[in-house]
Amino acid sequence: MPNHINVAAAAAAGYLTKICHQAAVDGGWWTHPNGEPITDNPLVFSNKLMLTVGELAEAMEGDRKNLPDAHLPHRSAREVELADAAIRLFDLAGGFQLDLAGAIAEKLAYNAKRADHTRDARAAEGGKAY
């Protein structure tokens, strides 16, 4: 994959991390109702990660039943729930100062060179079907 694509992906992911996390901070999702930060709790990361899993399960259910989204009925549930999952992931990365943007760019570059990710490798006996 050309490097300019990796740079663009990192820039987009960095921007999404900032806006998704700030929206969650502004909504009060990173503080207790009493105003104390929630990051003192060692389970915060895993709890927020599982909320992302919930969004993915909702996307699967929307796909399985071919449902429109309940809040944005002009869109499919699978589309909107995937957006919810992405928003949660970018928020989580922002909340824990993770370089998700850099990791995405590096992972795209790595995957572009993987032998097991080529069409020939996938078509070969024992290759990855999906």
C-alpha atoms as a PDB file:
ATOM      1  CA  MET A   1       0.000   0.000   0.000  1.00  0.00           C
ATOM      2  CA  PRO A   2       1.434   3.395  -0.946  1.00  0.00           C
ATOM      3  CA  ASN A   3       2.726   5.415   1.997  1.00  0.00           C
ATOM      4  CA  HIS A   4       0.497   8.410   1.195  1.00  0.00           C
ATOM      5  CA  ILE A   5      -2.536   6.207   1.906  1.00  0.00           C
ATOM      6  CA  ASN A   6      -1.091   5.260   5.296  1.00  0.00           C
ATOM      7  CA  VAL A   7      -0.446   8.920   6.092  1.00  0.00           C
ATOM      8  CA  ALA A   8      -3.994   9.845   5.098  1.00  0.00           C
ATOM      9  CA  ALA A   9      -5.406   6.982   7.183  1.00  0.00           C
ATOM     10  CA  ALA A  10      -3.396   8.098  10.208  1.00  0.00           C
ATOM     11  CA  ALA A  11      -4.530  11.698   9.799  1.00  0.00           C
ATOM     12  CA  ALA A  12      -8.184  10.683   9.497  1.00  0.00           C
ATOM     13  CA  ALA A  13      -7.962   8.320  12.463  1.00  0.00           C
ATOM     14  CA  GLY A  14      -6.232  10.978  14.551  1.00  0.00           C
ATOM     15  CA  TYR A  15      -8.977  13.457  13.750  1.00  0.00           C
ATOM     16  CA  LEU A  16     -11.712  10.929  14.550  1.00  0.00           C
ATOM     17  CA  THR A  17     -10.020  10.072  17.840  1.00  0.00           C
ATOM     18  CA  LYS A  18     -10.040  13.729  18.858  1.00  0.00           C
ATOM     19  CA  ILE A  19     -13.637  14.476  17.900  1.00  0.00           C
ATOM     20  CA  CYS A  20     -15.123  11.205  19.202  1.00  0.00           C
ATOM     21  CA  HIS A  21     -13.316  11.468  22.523  1.00  0.00           C
ATOM     22  CA  GLN A  22     -14.146  15.148  22.971  1.00  0.00           C
ATOM     23  CA  ALA A  23     -17.820  14.434  22.288  1.00  0.00           C
ATOM     24  CA  ALA A  24     -17.766  11.751  24.998  1.00  0.00           C
ATOM     25  CA  VAL A  25     -15.957  14.050  27.438  1.00  0.00           C
ATOM     26  CA  ASP A  26     -18.458  16.822  26.722  1.00  0.00           C
ATOM     27  CA  GLY A  27     -21.283  14.338  27.309  1.00  0.00           C
ATOM     28  CA  GLY A  28     -19.872  13.439  30.708  1.00  0.00           C
ATOM     29  CA  TRP A  29     -18.952   9.850  29.829  1.00  0.00           C
ATOM     30  CA  TRP A  30     -15.454  10.161  31.320  1.00  0.00           C
ATOM     31  CA  THR A  31     -16.540  11.374  34.761  1.00  0.00           C
ATOM     32  CA  HIS A  32     -18.760  10.017  37.505  1.00  0.00           C
ATOM     33  CA  PRO A  33     -21.971  11.969  38.096  1.00  0.00           C
ATOM     34  CA  ASN A  34     -20.123  13.494  41.089  1.00  0.00           C
ATOM     35  CA  GLY A  35     -17.507  14.934  38.712  1.00  0.00           C
ATOM     36  CA  GLU A  36     -14.662  12.566  39.612  1.00  0.00           C
ATOM     37  CA  PRO A  37     -12.731  11.032  36.670  1.00  0.00           C
ATOM     38  CA  ILE A  38     -13.583   7.408  35.937  1.00  0.00           C
ATOM     39  CA  THR A  39     -10.106   6.459  34.776  1.00  0.00           C
ATOM     40  CA  ASP A  40      -9.085   5.623  38.353  1.00  0.00           C
ATOM     41  CA  ASN A  41     -11.144   2.447  37.997  1.00  0.00           C
ATOM     42  CA  PRO A  42      -8.988  -0.343  36.475  1.00  0.00           C
ATOM     43  CA  LEU A  43     -12.097  -1.815  34.804  1.00  0.00           C
ATOM     44  CA  VAL A  44     -12.897   1.276  32.738  1.00  0.00           C
ATOM     45  CA  PHE A  45     -10.938   0.121  29.701  1.00  0.00           C
ATOM     46  CA  SER A  46     -12.507  -3.334  29.640  1.00  0.00           C
ATOM     47  CA  ASN A  47     -15.997  -1.968  30.321  1.00  0.00           C
ATOM     48  CA  LYS A  48     -15.756   0.509  27.449  1.00  0.00           C
ATOM     49  CA  LEU A  49     -14.307  -2.183  25.207  1.00  0.00           C
ATOM     50  CA  MET A  50     -17.289  -4.426  25.926  1.00  0.00           C
ATOM     51  CA  LEU A  51     -19.653  -1.580  25.047  1.00  0.00           C
ATOM     52  CA  THR A  52     -18.004  -1.684  21.623  1.00  0.00           C
ATOM     53  CA  VAL A  53     -18.678  -5.420  21.441  1.00  0.00           C
ATOM     54  CA  GLY A  54     -22.331  -4.642  22.180  1.00  0.00           C
ATOM     55  CA  GLU A  55     -22.464  -2.278  19.210  1.00  0.00           C
ATOM     56  CA  LEU A  56     -20.982  -4.991  16.982  1.00  0.00           C
ATOM     57  CA  ALA A  57     -23.601  -7.462  18.215  1.00  0.00           C
ATOM     58  CA  GLU A  58     -26.316  -4.926  17.369  1.00  0.00           C
ATOM     59  CA  ALA A  59     -24.803  -4.554  13.877  1.00  0.00           C
ATOM     60  CA  MET A  60     -24.924  -8.322  13.447  1.00  0.00           C
ATOM     61  CA  GLU A  61     -28.552  -8.446  14.556  1.00  0.00           C
ATOM     62  CA  GLY A  62     -29.466  -5.607  12.201  1.00  0.00           C
ATOM     63  CA  ASP A  63     -27.765  -7.454   9.370  1.00  0.00           C
ATOM     64  CA  ARG A  64     -29.373 -10.785  10.295  1.00  0.00           C
ATOM     65  CA  LYS A  65     -32.850  -9.250  10.271  1.00  0.00           C
ATOM     66  CA  ASN A  66     -32.179  -6.661   7.522  1.00  0.00           C
ATOM     67  CA  LEU A  67     -33.390  -3.883   9.827  1.00  0.00           C
ATOM     68  CA  PRO A  68     -33.316  -0.137   9.381  1.00  0.00           C
ATOM     69  CA  ASP A  69     -31.772   1.788  12.232  1.00  0.00           C
ATOM     70  CA  ALA A  70     -34.240   2.799  14.945  1.00  0.00           C
ATOM     71  CA  HIS A  71     -32.885   6.360  15.199  1.00  0.00           C
ATOM     72  CA  LEU A  72     -31.746   6.949  11.614  1.00  0.00           C
ATOM     73  CA  PRO A  73     -34.316   4.914   9.656  1.00  0.00           C
ATOM     74  CA  HIS A  74     -32.946   6.040   6.290  1.00  0.00           C
ATOM     75  CA  ARG A  75     -29.834   3.975   7.144  1.00  0.00           C
ATOM     76  CA  SER A  76     -29.427   0.289   7.856  1.00  0.00           C
ATOM     77  CA  ALA A  77     -28.945  -0.813  11.440  1.00  0.00           C
ATOM     78  CA  ARG A  78     -25.706  -2.559  10.505  1.00  0.00           C
ATOM     79  CA  GLU A  79     -24.315   0.692   9.096  1.00  0.00           C
ATOM     80  CA  VAL A  80     -25.269   2.807  12.108  1.00  0.00           C
ATOM     81  CA  GLU A  81     -24.161   0.223  14.675  1.00  0.00           C
ATOM     82  CA  LEU A  82     -20.786  -0.057  12.946  1.00  0.00           C
ATOM     83  CA  ALA A  83     -20.553   3.721  13.238  1.00  0.00           C
ATOM     84  CA  ASP A  84     -21.374   3.420  16.945  1.00  0.00           C
ATOM     85  CA  ALA A  85     -18.625   0.806  17.352  1.00  0.00           C
ATOM     86  CA  ALA A  86     -16.095   3.004  15.561  1.00  0.00           C
ATOM     87  CA  ILE A  87     -17.081   6.027  17.670  1.00  0.00           C
ATOM     88  CA  ARG A  88     -16.592   3.974  20.842  1.00  0.00           C
ATOM     89  CA  LEU A  89     -13.182   2.724  19.682  1.00  0.00           C
ATOM     90  CA  PHE A  90     -11.943   6.189  18.765  1.00  0.00           C
ATOM     91  CA  ASP A  91     -13.257   7.526  22.071  1.00  0.00           C
ATOM     92  CA  LEU A  92     -11.519   4.739  23.985  1.00  0.00           C
ATOM     93  CA  ALA A  93      -8.242   5.440  22.218  1.00  0.00           C
ATOM     94  CA  GLY A  94      -8.558   9.122  23.063  1.00  0.00           C
ATOM     95  CA  GLY A  95      -9.405   8.421  26.676  1.00  0.00           C
ATOM     96  CA  PHE A  96      -6.287   6.328  27.177  1.00  0.00           C
ATOM     97  CA  GLN A  97      -4.011   8.385  24.899  1.00  0.00           C
ATOM     98  CA  LEU A  98      -3.494   5.427  22.570  1.00  0.00           C
ATOM     99  CA  ASP A  99      -1.965   6.121  19.169  1.00  0.00           C
ATOM    100  CA  LEU A 100      -4.726   4.349  17.269  1.00  0.00           C
ATOM    101  CA  ALA A 101      -3.990   6.493  14.224  1.00  0.00           C
ATOM    102  CA  GLY A 102      -0.365   5.387  14.092  1.00  0.00           C
ATOM    103  CA  ALA A 103      -1.286   1.771  14.760  1.00  0.00           C
ATOM    104  CA  ILE A 104      -3.811   1.801  11.903  1.00  0.00           C
ATOM    105  CA  ALA A 105      -1.259   3.226   9.475  1.00  0.00           C
ATOM    106  CA  GLU A 106       1.392   0.718  10.529  1.00  0.00           C
ATOM    107  CA  LYS A 107      -1.033  -2.212  10.426  1.00  0.00           C
ATOM    108  CA  LEU A 108      -2.224  -1.253   6.931  1.00  0.00           C
ATOM    109  CA  ALA A 109       1.395  -1.171   5.750  1.00  0.00           C
ATOM    110  CA  TYR A 110       2.163  -4.504   7.440  1.00  0.00           C
ATOM    111  CA  ASN A 111      -0.937  -6.220   6.047  1.00  0.00           C
ATOM    112  CA  ALA A 112      -0.130  -4.974   2.527  1.00  0.00           C
ATOM    113  CA  LYS A 113       3.072  -7.043   2.622  1.00  0.00           C
ATOM    114  CA  ARG A 114       1.725 -10.194   4.276  1.00  0.00           C
ATOM    115  CA  ALA A 115       2.055 -13.288   2.126  1.00  0.00           C
ATOM    116  CA  ASP A 116      -1.099 -14.806   3.607  1.00  0.00           C
ATOM    117  CA  HIS A 117      -3.127 -11.753   2.564  1.00  0.00           C
ATOM    118  CA  THR A 118      -2.569 -12.170  -1.174  1.00  0.00           C
ATOM    119  CA  ARG A 119      -5.232 -13.444  -3.558  1.00  0.00           C
ATOM    120  CA  ASP A 120      -3.037 -16.430  -4.476  1.00  0.00           C
ATOM    121  CA  ALA A 121      -2.501 -17.404  -0.834  1.00  0.00           C
ATOM    122  CA  ARG A 122      -6.211 -17.150  -0.114  1.00  0.00           C
ATOM    123  CA  ALA A 123      -7.067 -19.277  -3.171  1.00  0.00           C
ATOM    124  CA  ALA A 124      -4.509 -21.961  -2.266  1.00  0.00           C
ATOM    125  CA  GLU A 125      -5.420 -25.124  -0.404  1.00  0.00           C
ATOM    126  CA  GLY A 126      -5.801 -24.225   3.256  1.00  0.00           C
ATOM    127  CA  GLY A 127      -5.906 -20.497   2.448  1.00  0.00           C
ATOM    128  CA  LYS A 128      -8.013 -18.042   4.373  1.00  0.00           C
ATOM    129  CA  ALA A 129     -11.560 -18.105   3.019  1.00  0.00           C
ATOM    130  CA  TYR A 130     -12.454 -14.917   4.871  1.00  0.00           C
END
